[in-house]
PDB file of N, CA and C in Angstrom:
ATOM      1  N   UNK A   1      81.247 100.692  80.427  1.00  0.00           N
ATOM      2  CA  UNK A   1      81.906 101.599  81.171  1.00  0.00           C
ATOM      3  C   UNK A   1      83.340 101.597  81.046  1.00  0.00           C
ATOM      4  N   UNK A   2      84.114 100.487  81.081  1.00  0.00           N
ATOM      5  CA  UNK A   2      85.482 100.323  80.855  1.00  0.00           C
ATOM      6  C   UNK A   2      85.904  99.812  79.571  1.00  0.00           C
ATOM      7  N   UNK A   3      86.928  99.823  78.876  1.00  0.00           N
ATOM      8  CA  UNK A   3      87.414  99.358  77.413  1.00  0.00           C
ATOM      9  C   UNK A   3      87.876  98.278  77.674  1.00  0.00           C
ATOM     10  N   UNK A   4      88.075  97.526  76.660  1.00  0.00           N
ATOM     11  CA  UNK A   4      88.506  96.090  76.395  1.00  0.00           C
ATOM     12  C   UNK A   4      89.861  96.058  76.991  1.00  0.00           C
ATOM     13  N   UNK A   5      90.678  96.757  76.686  1.00  0.00           N
ATOM     14  CA  UNK A   5      92.120  96.832  77.269  1.00  0.00           C
ATOM     15  C   UNK A   5      92.372  97.063  78.510  1.00  0.00           C
ATOM     16  N   UNK A   6      91.267  98.101  79.240  1.00  0.00           N
ATOM     17  CA  UNK A   6      91.520  98.339  80.645  1.00  0.00           C
ATOM     18  C   UNK A   6      90.981  97.003  81.623  1.00  0.00           C
ATOM     19  N   UNK A   7      90.160  96.398  81.088  1.00  0.00           N
ATOM     20  CA  UNK A   7      89.389  95.032  81.577  1.00  0.00           C
ATOM     21  C   UNK A   7      90.582  94.031  81.311  1.00  0.00           C
ATOM     22  N   UNK A   8      91.073  93.906  80.120  1.00  0.00           N
ATOM     23  CA  UNK A   8      92.334  92.979  79.981  1.00  0.00           C
ATOM     24  C   UNK A   8      93.330  92.912  81.063  1.00  0.00           C
ATOM     25  N   UNK A   9      93.899  94.453  81.089  1.00  0.00           N
ATOM     26  CA  UNK A   9      94.921  94.572  82.103  1.00  0.00           C
ATOM     27  C   UNK A   9      94.487  94.270  83.636  1.00  0.00           C
ATOM     28  N   UNK A  10      93.354  94.383  83.685  1.00  0.00           N
ATOM     29  CA  UNK A  10      92.796  93.929  85.140  1.00  0.00           C
ATOM     30  C   UNK A  10      92.575  92.483  85.314  1.00  0.00           C
ATOM     31  N   UNK A  11      92.235  91.895  84.294  1.00  0.00           N
ATOM     32  CA  UNK A  11      91.762  90.443  84.463  1.00  0.00           C
ATOM     33  C   UNK A  11      93.173  89.610  84.258  1.00  0.00           C
ATOM     34  N   UNK A  12      94.033  90.298  83.626  1.00  0.00           N
ATOM     35  CA  UNK A  12      95.324  89.628  83.179  1.00  0.00           C
ATOM     36  C   UNK A  12      96.607  90.537  83.605  1.00  0.00           C
ATOM     37  N   UNK A  13      96.882  90.851  84.533  1.00  0.00           N
ATOM     38  CA  UNK A  13      97.863  91.888  85.096  1.00  0.00           C
ATOM     39  C   UNK A  13      99.264  91.557  84.334  1.00  0.00           C
ATOM     40  N   UNK A  14      99.870  92.320  83.884  1.00  0.00           N
ATOM     41  CA  UNK A  14     101.291  92.261  83.287  1.00  0.00           C
ATOM     42  C   UNK A  14     102.101  92.607  84.567  1.00  0.00           C
ATOM     43  N   UNK A  15     103.276  92.043  84.914  1.00  0.00           N
ATOM     44  CA  UNK A  15     104.349  92.232  85.714  1.00  0.00           C
ATOM     45  C   UNK A  15     103.855  92.443  87.059  1.00  0.00           C
ATOM     46  N   UNK A  16     102.782  91.737  87.719  1.00  0.00           N
ATOM     47  CA  UNK A  16     102.554  91.809  89.007  1.00  0.00           C
ATOM     48  C   UNK A  16     103.604  90.990  90.132  1.00  0.00           C
ATOM     49  N   UNK A  17     103.804  91.842  91.137  1.00  0.00           N
ATOM     50  CA  UNK A  17     104.646  91.095  91.988  1.00  0.00           C
ATOM     51  C   UNK A  17     105.598  92.125  92.630  1.00  0.00           C
ATOM     52  N   UNK A  18     106.907  91.668  92.754  1.00  0.00           N
ATOM     53  CA  UNK A  18     107.866  92.570  93.477  1.00  0.00           C
ATOM     54  C   UNK A  18     109.222  92.078  93.023  1.00  0.00           C
ATOM     55  N   UNK A  19     110.072  93.251  92.368  1.00  0.00           N
ATOM     56  CA  UNK A  19     111.228  92.638  91.728  1.00  0.00           C
ATOM     57  C   UNK A  19     112.289  92.561  93.234  1.00  0.00           C
ATOM     58  N   UNK A  20     112.803  91.445  92.932  1.00  0.00           N
ATOM     59  CA  UNK A  20     113.892  90.979  94.108  1.00  0.00           C
ATOM     60  C   UNK A  20     114.983  91.674  93.774  1.00  0.00           C
ATOM     61  N   UNK A  21     115.775  92.433  94.882  1.00  0.00           N
ATOM     62  CA  UNK A  21     116.967  93.261  95.021  1.00  0.00           C
ATOM     63  C   UNK A  21     116.633  94.400  94.077  1.00  0.00           C
ATOM     64  N   UNK A  22     115.324  95.107  94.304  1.00  0.00           N
ATOM     65  CA  UNK A  22     115.264  96.215  93.617  1.00  0.00           C
ATOM     66  C   UNK A  22     115.977  97.304  93.692  1.00  0.00           C
ATOM     67  N   UNK A  23     116.233  98.126  92.589  1.00  0.00           N
ATOM     68  CA  UNK A  23     117.157  99.218  92.662  1.00  0.00           C
ATOM     69  C   UNK A  23     116.263 100.482  93.271  1.00  0.00           C
ATOM     70  N   UNK A  24     115.099 100.354  92.731  1.00  0.00           N
ATOM     71  CA  UNK A  24     114.222 101.364  93.139  1.00  0.00           C
ATOM     72  C   UNK A  24     112.789 101.283  93.496  1.00  0.00           C
ATOM     73  N   UNK A  25     112.026 101.882  94.464  1.00  0.00           N
ATOM     74  CA  UNK A  25     110.830 101.227  94.959  1.00  0.00           C
ATOM     75  C   UNK A  25     110.133 102.450  95.678  1.00  0.00           C
ATOM     76  N   UNK A  26     108.983 102.406  95.375  1.00  0.00           N
ATOM     77  CA  UNK A  26     108.012 103.659  95.711  1.00  0.00           C
ATOM     78  C   UNK A  26     106.597 103.004  96.064  1.00  0.00           C
ATOM     79  N   UNK A  27     105.894 103.437  97.391  1.00  0.00           N
ATOM     80  CA  UNK A  27     104.760 103.067  97.571  1.00  0.00           C
ATOM     81  C   UNK A  27     103.870 104.498  97.716  1.00  0.00           C
ATOM     82  N   UNK A  28     102.696 104.664  96.914  1.00  0.00           N
ATOM     83  CA  UNK A  28     101.884 105.634  96.912  1.00  0.00           C
ATOM     84  C   UNK A  28     100.542 105.260  97.316  1.00  0.00           C
ATOM     85  N   UNK A  29     100.024 106.221  98.052  1.00  0.00           N
ATOM     86  CA  UNK A  29      98.625 106.112  98.444  1.00  0.00           C
ATOM     87  C   UNK A  29      97.845 107.319  98.007  1.00  0.00           C
ATOM     88  N   UNK A  30      96.659 107.159  97.427  1.00  0.00           N
ATOM     89  CA  UNK A  30      95.695 108.178  97.085  1.00  0.00           C
ATOM     90  C   UNK A  30      94.890 108.372  98.419  1.00  0.00           C
ATOM     91  N   UNK A  31      95.011 109.232  99.123  1.00  0.00           N
ATOM     92  CA  UNK A  31      94.002 109.388 100.463  1.00  0.00           C
ATOM     93  C   UNK A  31      92.445 109.460 100.058  1.00  0.00           C
ATOM     94  N   UNK A  32      92.216 110.030  99.059  1.00  0.00           N
ATOM     95  CA  UNK A  32      90.883 110.264  98.668  1.00  0.00           C
ATOM     96  C   UNK A  32      90.086 108.809  98.514  1.00  0.00           C
ATOM     97  N   UNK A  33      90.788 108.274  97.642  1.00  0.00           N
ATOM     98  CA  UNK A  33      89.897 107.049  97.233  1.00  0.00           C
ATOM     99  C   UNK A  33      90.398 105.785  98.009  1.00  0.00           C
ATOM    100  N   UNK A  34      91.591 105.905  98.465  1.00  0.00           N
ATOM    101  CA  UNK A  34      92.169 104.658  99.255  1.00  0.00           C
ATOM    102  C   UNK A  34      93.128 103.599  98.506  1.00  0.00           C
ATOM    103  N   UNK A  35      93.254 104.082  97.100  1.00  0.00           N
ATOM    104  CA  UNK A  35      94.073 103.115  96.101  1.00  0.00           C
ATOM    105  C   UNK A  35      95.461 103.286  96.732  1.00  0.00           C
ATOM    106  N   UNK A  36      96.196 102.054  96.709  1.00  0.00           N
ATOM    107  CA  UNK A  36      97.622 102.018  97.125  1.00  0.00           C
ATOM    108  C   UNK A  36      98.330 101.288  95.904  1.00  0.00           C
ATOM    109  N   UNK A  37      99.449 101.768  95.397  1.00  0.00           N
ATOM    110  CA  UNK A  37     100.285 101.330  94.356  1.00  0.00           C
ATOM    111  C   UNK A  37     101.824 101.163  95.067  1.00  0.00           C
ATOM    112  N   UNK A  38     102.353 100.056  94.770  1.00  0.00           N
ATOM    113  CA  UNK A  38     103.751  99.791  95.146  1.00  0.00           C
ATOM    114  C   UNK A  38     104.405  99.388  93.723  1.00  0.00           C
ATOM    115  N   UNK A  39     105.306 100.106  93.283  1.00  0.00           N
ATOM    116  CA  UNK A  39     106.230  99.865  92.182  1.00  0.00           C
ATOM    117  C   UNK A  39     107.675  99.359  92.582  1.00  0.00           C
ATOM    118  N   UNK A  40     108.252  98.599  92.058  1.00  0.00           N
ATOM    119  CA  UNK A  40     109.638  98.070  92.335  1.00  0.00           C
ATOM    120  C   UNK A  40     110.387  97.824  90.579  1.00  0.00           C
ATOM    121  N   UNK A  41     111.659  98.496  90.914  1.00  0.00           N
ATOM    122  CA  UNK A  41     112.335  98.394  89.640  1.00  0.00           C
ATOM    123  C   UNK A  41     113.609  98.099  89.813  1.00  0.00           C
ATOM    124  N   UNK A  42     114.254  97.472  88.731  1.00  0.00           N
ATOM    125  CA  UNK A  42     115.637  96.998  88.432  1.00  0.00           C
ATOM    126  C   UNK A  42     116.241  97.890  87.054  1.00  0.00           C
ATOM    127  N   UNK A  43     117.352  98.620  87.385  1.00  0.00           N
ATOM    128  CA  UNK A  43     117.906  99.557  86.233  1.00  0.00           C
ATOM    129  C   UNK A  43     119.372  98.712  85.953  1.00  0.00           C
ATOM    130  N   UNK A  44     119.463  98.668  84.752  1.00  0.00           N
ATOM    131  CA  UNK A  44     120.904  98.084  84.245  1.00  0.00           C
ATOM    132  C   UNK A  44     121.301  99.064  83.151  1.00  0.00           C
ATOM    133  N   UNK A  45     122.484  99.673  82.966  1.00  0.00           N
ATOM    134  CA  UNK A  45     123.038 100.527  81.857  1.00  0.00           C
ATOM    135  C   UNK A  45     122.045 101.359  81.599  1.00  0.00           C
ATOM    136  N   UNK A  46     121.293 102.058  82.615  1.00  0.00           N
ATOM    137  CA  UNK A  46     120.572 103.046  82.442  1.00  0.00           C
ATOM    138  C   UNK A  46     118.900 102.857  81.679  1.00  0.00           C
ATOM    139  N   UNK A  47     118.757 101.425  81.865  1.00  0.00           N
ATOM    140  CA  UNK A  47     117.480 101.131  81.414  1.00  0.00           C
ATOM    141  C   UNK A  47     116.804 100.430  82.278  1.00  0.00           C
ATOM    142  N   UNK A  48     115.290 100.523  82.299  1.00  0.00           N
ATOM    143  CA  UNK A  48     114.523  99.779  83.069  1.00  0.00           C
ATOM    144  C   UNK A  48     114.461  98.305  82.725  1.00  0.00           C
ATOM    145  N   UNK A  49     115.274  97.240  83.471  1.00  0.00           N
ATOM    146  CA  UNK A  49     115.290  96.113  82.760  1.00  0.00           C
ATOM    147  C   UNK A  49     114.183  95.079  83.457  1.00  0.00           C
ATOM    148  N   UNK A  50     113.641  95.781  84.813  1.00  0.00           N
ATOM    149  CA  UNK A  50     112.372  94.931  85.357  1.00  0.00           C
ATOM    150  C   UNK A  50     111.806  95.823  85.915  1.00  0.00           C
ATOM    151  N   UNK A  51     110.358  95.663  86.008  1.00  0.00           N
ATOM    152  CA  UNK A  51     109.463  96.763  86.642  1.00  0.00           C
ATOM    153  C   UNK A  51     108.315  95.755  86.994  1.00  0.00           C
ATOM    154  N   UNK A  52     107.785  95.700  88.397  1.00  0.00           N
ATOM    155  CA  UNK A  52     106.429  94.874  88.852  1.00  0.00           C
ATOM    156  C   UNK A  52     105.887  95.981  89.829  1.00  0.00           C
ATOM    157  N   UNK A  53     104.540  95.621  89.759  1.00  0.00           N
ATOM    158  CA  UNK A  53     103.581  96.346  90.729  1.00  0.00           C
ATOM    159  C   UNK A  53     102.912  95.342  91.705  1.00  0.00           C
ATOM    160  N   UNK A  54     102.550  95.960  92.717  1.00  0.00           N
ATOM    161  CA  UNK A  54     101.239  95.512  93.383  1.00  0.00           C
ATOM    162  C   UNK A  54     100.465  96.606  94.014  1.00  0.00           C
ATOM    163  N   UNK A  55      99.177  96.513  93.872  1.00  0.00           N
ATOM    164  CA  UNK A  55      98.235  97.506  93.824  1.00  0.00           C
ATOM    165  C   UNK A  55      96.787  96.717  94.651  1.00  0.00           C
ATOM    166  N   UNK A  56      96.282  97.820  95.540  1.00  0.00           N
ATOM    167  CA  UNK A  56      95.111  97.528  95.916  1.00  0.00           C
ATOM    168  C   UNK A  56      94.254  98.633  95.809  1.00  0.00           C
ATOM    169  N   UNK A  57      93.240  98.439  95.174  1.00  0.00           N
ATOM    170  CA  UNK A  57      92.474  99.601  94.494  1.00  0.00           C
ATOM    171  C   UNK A  57      91.363  99.275  93.717  1.00  0.00           C
ATOM    172  N   UNK A  58      90.940 100.253  93.065  1.00  0.00           N
ATOM    173  CA  UNK A  58      89.675 100.233  91.860  1.00  0.00           C
ATOM    174  C   UNK A  58      90.383  99.547  90.737  1.00  0.00           C
ATOM    175  N   UNK A  59      89.511  99.135  89.855  1.00  0.00           N
ATOM    176  CA  UNK A  59      89.839  98.358  88.629  1.00  0.00           C
ATOM    177  C   UNK A  59      90.615  99.332  88.042  1.00  0.00           C
ATOM    178  N   UNK A  60      90.557 100.518  87.643  1.00  0.00           N
ATOM    179  CA  UNK A  60      91.250 101.345  86.851  1.00  0.00           C
ATOM    180  C   UNK A  60      92.581 101.622  87.279  1.00  0.00           C
ATOM    181  N   UNK A  61      92.746 101.646  88.636  1.00  0.00           N
ATOM    182  CA  UNK A  61      94.211 101.813  89.135  1.00  0.00           C
ATOM    183  C   UNK A  61      94.915 100.589  89.140  1.00  0.00           C
ATOM    184  N   UNK A  62      94.373  99.378  89.348  1.00  0.00           N
ATOM    185  CA  UNK A  62      95.147  97.974  88.756  1.00  0.00           C
ATOM    186  C   UNK A  62      95.451  98.140  87.202  1.00  0.00           C
ATOM    187  N   UNK A  63      94.452  98.287  86.353  1.00  0.00           N
ATOM    188  CA  UNK A  63      94.808  98.352  85.265  1.00  0.00           C
ATOM    189  C   UNK A  63      96.059  99.562  84.773  1.00  0.00           C
ATOM    190  N   UNK A  64      95.963 100.557  85.247  1.00  0.00           N
ATOM    191  CA  UNK A  64      96.971 101.514  84.690  1.00  0.00           C
ATOM    192  C   UNK A  64      98.329 101.017  85.513  1.00  0.00           C
ATOM    193  N   UNK A  65      98.452 100.446  86.429  1.00  0.00           N
ATOM    194  CA  UNK A  65      99.657  99.980  86.892  1.00  0.00           C
ATOM    195  C   UNK A  65     100.262  99.043  86.145  1.00  0.00           C
ATOM    196  N   UNK A  66      99.441  97.921  85.358  1.00  0.00           N
ATOM    197  CA  UNK A  66      99.660  97.084  84.793  1.00  0.00           C
ATOM    198  C   UNK A  66     100.285  97.866  83.473  1.00  0.00           C
ATOM    199  N   UNK A  67      99.565  98.514  82.958  1.00  0.00           N
ATOM    200  CA  UNK A  67      99.962  99.259  81.538  1.00  0.00           C
ATOM    201  C   UNK A  67     101.149 100.034  81.585  1.00  0.00           C
ATOM    202  N   UNK A  68     101.278 100.682  82.721  1.00  0.00           N
ATOM    203  CA  UNK A  68     102.457 101.536  83.130  1.00  0.00           C
ATOM    204  C   UNK A  68     103.772 100.516  82.990  1.00  0.00           C
ATOM    205  N   UNK A  69     103.582  99.438  83.585  1.00  0.00           N
ATOM    206  CA  UNK A  69     105.023  98.447  83.689  1.00  0.00           C
ATOM    207  C   UNK A  69     105.145  98.087  82.301  1.00  0.00           C
ATOM    208  N   UNK A  70     104.363  97.885  81.317  1.00  0.00           N
ATOM    209  CA  UNK A  70     104.515  97.566  79.992  1.00  0.00           C
ATOM    210  C   UNK A  70     105.233  98.682  79.006  1.00  0.00           C
ATOM    211  N   UNK A  71     104.781 100.022  79.410  1.00  0.00           N
ATOM    212  CA  UNK A  71     105.349 101.180  78.725  1.00  0.00           C
ATOM    213  C   UNK A  71     106.555 101.583  79.109  1.00  0.00           C
ATOM    214  N   UNK A  72     107.255 101.030  80.282  1.00  0.00           N
ATOM    215  CA  UNK A  72     108.487 101.655  80.974  1.00  0.00           C
ATOM    216  C   UNK A  72     109.591 100.448  80.711  1.00  0.00           C
ATOM    217  N   UNK A  73     109.024  99.313  81.002  1.00  0.00           N
ATOM    218  CA  UNK A  73     110.064  98.069  80.705  1.00  0.00           C
ATOM    219  C   UNK A  73     110.886  98.189  79.444  1.00  0.00           C
ATOM    220  N   UNK A  74     112.225  98.245  79.689  1.00  0.00           N
ATOM    221  CA  UNK A  74     113.085  98.181  78.468  1.00  0.00           C
ATOM    222  C   UNK A  74     113.412  99.740  78.099  1.00  0.00           C
ATOM    223  N   UNK A  75     112.819 100.534  78.635  1.00  0.00           N
ATOM    224  CA  UNK A  75     113.084 102.037  78.393  1.00  0.00           C
ATOM    225  C   UNK A  75     114.217 102.694  79.051  1.00  0.00           C
ATOM    226  N   UNK A  76     114.909 103.707  78.732  1.00  0.00           N
ATOM    227  CA  UNK A  76     115.871 104.462  79.295  1.00  0.00           C
ATOM    228  C   UNK A  76     115.107 105.016  80.487  1.00  0.00           C
ATOM    229  N   UNK A  77     115.855 105.818  81.549  1.00  0.00           N
ATOM    230  CA  UNK A  77     115.168 106.320  82.557  1.00  0.00           C
ATOM    231  C   UNK A  77     114.399 107.530  82.268  1.00  0.00           C
ATOM    232  N   UNK A  78     115.355 108.476  81.174  1.00  0.00           N
ATOM    233  CA  UNK A  78     114.787 109.477  80.850  1.00  0.00           C
ATOM    234  C   UNK A  78     113.271 109.150  79.962  1.00  0.00           C
ATOM    235  N   UNK A  79     113.433 108.139  79.054  1.00  0.00           N
ATOM    236  CA  UNK A  79     112.041 107.656  78.556  1.00  0.00           C
ATOM    237  C   UNK A  79     110.963 107.326  79.660  1.00  0.00           C
ATOM    238  N   UNK A  80     111.603 106.747  80.314  1.00  0.00           N
ATOM    239  CA  UNK A  80     110.575 106.305  81.615  1.00  0.00           C
ATOM    240  C   UNK A  80     109.876 107.592  82.324  1.00  0.00           C
ATOM    241  N   UNK A  81     110.852 108.639  82.468  1.00  0.00           N
ATOM    242  CA  UNK A  81     110.360 109.812  83.229  1.00  0.00           C
ATOM    243  C   UNK A  81     109.366 110.596  82.372  1.00  0.00           C
ATOM    244  N   UNK A  82     109.503 110.404  80.940  1.00  0.00           N
ATOM    245  CA  UNK A  82     108.800 111.215  79.923  1.00  0.00           C
ATOM    246  C   UNK A  82     107.380 110.730  79.599  1.00  0.00           C
ATOM    247  N   UNK A  83     107.200 109.375  80.196  1.00  0.00           N
ATOM    248  CA  UNK A  83     105.490 108.867  79.959  1.00  0.00           C
ATOM    249  C   UNK A  83     104.624 109.693  80.488  1.00  0.00           C
ATOM    250  N   UNK A  84     103.709 110.014  79.614  1.00  0.00           N
ATOM    251  CA  UNK A  84     102.648 111.116  80.181  1.00  0.00           C
ATOM    252  C   UNK A  84     101.449 110.250  80.496  1.00  0.00           C
ATOM    253  N   UNK A  85     100.566 111.320  80.905  1.00  0.00           N
ATOM    254  CA  UNK A  85      99.197 110.903  81.257  1.00  0.00           C
ATOM    255  C   UNK A  85      98.461 110.297  80.233  1.00  0.00           C
ATOM    256  N   UNK A  86      98.562 111.048  78.972  1.00  0.00           N
ATOM    257  CA  UNK A  86      97.870 110.773  77.859  1.00  0.00           C
ATOM    258  C   UNK A  86      98.376 109.330  77.229  1.00  0.00           C
ATOM    259  N   UNK A  87      99.414 109.282  77.552  1.00  0.00           N
ATOM    260  CA  UNK A  87     100.216 107.845  76.915  1.00  0.00           C
ATOM    261  C   UNK A  87      99.565 106.715  77.721  1.00  0.00           C
ATOM    262  N   UNK A  88      99.420 106.953  79.187  1.00  0.00           N
ATOM    263  CA  UNK A  88      98.962 105.792  79.760  1.00  0.00           C
ATOM    264  C   UNK A  88      97.612 105.604  79.675  1.00  0.00           C
ATOM    265  N   UNK A  89      96.985 106.564  79.647  1.00  0.00           N
ATOM    266  CA  UNK A  89      95.272 106.830  79.555  1.00  0.00           C
ATOM    267  C   UNK A  89      95.027 105.858  78.167  1.00  0.00           C
ATOM    268  N   UNK A  90      95.905 106.242  77.011  1.00  0.00           N
ATOM    269  CA  UNK A  90      95.696 105.534  75.682  1.00  0.00           C
ATOM    270  C   UNK A  90      96.030 103.922  75.927  1.00  0.00           C
ATOM    271  N   UNK A  91      96.821 103.483  76.839  1.00  0.00           N
ATOM    272  CA  UNK A  91      97.276 102.313  76.697  1.00  0.00           C
ATOM    273  C   UNK A  91      96.518 101.300  77.565  1.00  0.00           C
ATOM    274  N   UNK A  92      95.493 101.934  78.445  1.00  0.00           N
ATOM    275  CA  UNK A  92      94.230 101.142  78.640  1.00  0.00           C
ATOM    276  C   UNK A  92      92.985 101.492  77.647  1.00  0.00           C
ATOM    277  N   UNK A  93      93.035 102.288  76.810  1.00  0.00           N
ATOM    278  CA  UNK A  93      91.900 102.337  75.943  1.00  0.00           C
ATOM    279  C   UNK A  93      90.811 103.253  76.408  1.00  0.00           C
ATOM    280  N   UNK A  94      91.686 104.141  77.340  1.00  0.00           N
ATOM    281  CA  UNK A  94      90.617 105.480  77.867  1.00  0.00           C
ATOM    282  C   UNK A  94      90.338 104.910  79.281  1.00  0.00           C
ATOM    283  N   UNK A  95      89.808 106.331  79.938  1.00  0.00           N
ATOM    284  CA  UNK A  95      89.507 106.161  81.513  1.00  0.00           C
ATOM    285  C   UNK A  95      88.246 106.972  81.545  1.00  0.00           C
ATOM    286  N   UNK A  96      87.286 106.591  82.339  1.00  0.00           N
ATOM    287  CA  UNK A  96      86.048 107.428  82.638  1.00  0.00           C
ATOM    288  C   UNK A  96      86.655 108.451  83.332  1.00  0.00           C
ATOM    289  N   UNK A  97      85.945 109.681  83.197  1.00  0.00           N
ATOM    290  CA  UNK A  97      86.506 110.997  83.821  1.00  0.00           C
ATOM    291  C   UNK A  97      86.819 110.646  85.244  1.00  0.00           C
ATOM    292  N   UNK A  98      85.629 109.867  86.159  1.00  0.00           N
ATOM    293  CA  UNK A  98      85.992 109.810  87.478  1.00  0.00           C
ATOM    294  C   UNK A  98      87.189 109.219  87.603  1.00  0.00           C
ATOM    295  N   UNK A  99      87.637 108.523  86.809  1.00  0.00           N
ATOM    296  CA  UNK A  99      88.829 107.438  87.216  1.00  0.00           C
ATOM    297  C   UNK A  99      90.236 107.882  86.695  1.00  0.00           C
ATOM    298  N   UNK A 100      90.411 109.296  86.505  1.00  0.00           N
ATOM    299  CA  UNK A 100      91.717 109.954  86.136  1.00  0.00           C
ATOM    300  C   UNK A 100      92.707 109.783  87.189  1.00  0.00           C
ATOM    301  N   UNK A 101      92.102 109.540  88.554  1.00  0.00           N
ATOM    302  CA  UNK A 101      93.195 109.429  89.560  1.00  0.00           C
ATOM    303  C   UNK A 101      94.188 108.179  89.349  1.00  0.00           C
ATOM    304  N   UNK A 102      93.624 107.355  88.523  1.00  0.00           N
ATOM    305  CA  UNK A 102      94.178 105.831  88.564  1.00  0.00           C
ATOM    306  C   UNK A 102      95.378 106.182  87.658  1.00  0.00           C
ATOM    307  N   UNK A 103      95.384 107.034  86.725  1.00  0.00           N
ATOM    308  CA  UNK A 103      96.704 106.944  85.817  1.00  0.00           C
ATOM    309  C   UNK A 103      97.635 108.057  86.695  1.00  0.00           C
ATOM    310  N   UNK A 104      97.177 109.050  87.229  1.00  0.00           N
ATOM    311  CA  UNK A 104      98.367 109.698  88.123  1.00  0.00           C
ATOM    312  C   UNK A 104      98.922 109.121  89.441  1.00  0.00           C
ATOM    313  N   UNK A 105      97.972 108.126  90.059  1.00  0.00           N
ATOM    314  CA  UNK A 105      98.716 107.405  90.799  1.00  0.00           C
ATOM    315  C   UNK A 105      99.978 106.494  90.555  1.00  0.00           C
ATOM    316  N   UNK A 106      99.644 105.936  89.144  1.00  0.00           N
ATOM    317  CA  UNK A 106     101.065 105.133  88.626  1.00  0.00           C
ATOM    318  C   UNK A 106     102.053 106.109  88.096  1.00  0.00           C
ATOM    319  N   UNK A 107     101.579 107.001  87.675  1.00  0.00           N
ATOM    320  CA  UNK A 107     102.852 108.392  87.364  1.00  0.00           C
ATOM    321  C   UNK A 107     103.388 108.675  88.344  1.00  0.00           C
ATOM    322  N   UNK A 108     102.636 108.789  89.567  1.00  0.00           N
ATOM    323  CA  UNK A 108     103.363 109.420  90.656  1.00  0.00           C
ATOM    324  C   UNK A 108     104.318 108.402  91.262  1.00  0.00           C
ATOM    325  N   UNK A 109     103.748 107.138  91.387  1.00  0.00           N
ATOM    326  CA  UNK A 109     104.717 105.951  91.799  1.00  0.00           C
ATOM    327  C   UNK A 109     105.970 105.924  91.113  1.00  0.00           C
ATOM    328  N   UNK A 110     105.714 105.848  89.769  1.00  0.00           N
ATOM    329  CA  UNK A 110     106.876 105.790  88.753  1.00  0.00           C
ATOM    330  C   UNK A 110     107.891 107.062  89.213  1.00  0.00           C
ATOM    331  N   UNK A 111     107.606 107.853  89.334  1.00  0.00           N
ATOM    332  CA  UNK A 111     108.135 109.338  89.415  1.00  0.00           C
ATOM    333  C   UNK A 111     109.148 109.148  90.881  1.00  0.00           C
ATOM    334  N   UNK A 112     108.376 108.695  91.895  1.00  0.00           N
ATOM    335  CA  UNK A 112     109.022 108.571  93.067  1.00  0.00           C
ATOM    336  C   UNK A 112     110.088 107.508  93.195  1.00  0.00           C
ATOM    337  N   UNK A 113     109.598 106.320  92.523  1.00  0.00           N
ATOM    338  CA  UNK A 113     110.512 105.033  92.392  1.00  0.00           C
ATOM    339  C   UNK A 113     112.101 105.675  91.780  1.00  0.00           C
ATOM    340  N   UNK A 114     111.765 106.295  90.374  1.00  0.00           N
ATOM    341  CA  UNK A 114     112.959 106.730  89.831  1.00  0.00           C
ATOM    342  C   UNK A 114     113.811 107.806  90.669  1.00  0.00           C
ATOM    343  N   UNK A 115     113.183 108.530  91.368  1.00  0.00           N
ATOM    344  CA  UNK A 115     113.871 109.440  92.215  1.00  0.00           C
ATOM    345  C   UNK A 115     114.549 108.936  93.221  1.00  0.00           C
ATOM    346  N   UNK A 116     114.179 108.022  93.988  1.00  0.00           N
ATOM    347  CA  UNK A 116     114.898 107.192  94.735  1.00  0.00           C
ATOM    348  C   UNK A 116     116.262 106.260  94.149  1.00  0.00           C
ATOM    349  N   UNK A 117     116.320 106.212  92.859  1.00  0.00           N
ATOM    350  CA  UNK A 117     117.558 105.689  92.122  1.00  0.00           C
ATOM    351  C   UNK A 117     118.629 106.626  92.230  1.00  0.00           C
ATOM    352  N   UNK A 118     118.396 108.147  92.567  1.00  0.00           N
ATOM    353  CA  UNK A 118     119.323 108.718  92.621  1.00  0.00           C
ATOM    354  C   UNK A 118     119.920 109.187  91.088  1.00  0.00           C
ATOM    355  N   UNK A 119     119.157 108.889  90.133  1.00  0.00           N
ATOM    356  CA  UNK A 119     119.821 109.330  88.641  1.00  0.00           C
ATOM    357  C   UNK A 119     119.043 110.664  88.251  1.00  0.00           C
TER     358      UNK A 119
END
């Protein structure tokens, strides 16, 4: 049902936790399924130098949050904003159709955190 990459991100999450003194933060909840994702990030010189997540939810939600932090870390804010749904889904080796909300939750949290930076 789940890909090896998705299970790896779930079982060995990357960048879990909270960024101390974060420049941007957002917490998003999916009211339909109850998944909650909090992203915190630090930006220096226009690049995301640190990004961490905390999530409560389904296996795909946790995996997508972990994969998103890897896709965005080190990128410029413009590059971070342009990470798309397909790239995120590819990073976890695909998602079952019923789990597409997990990718959207991660992308929505990223967009909200970047908006709060004022950039």
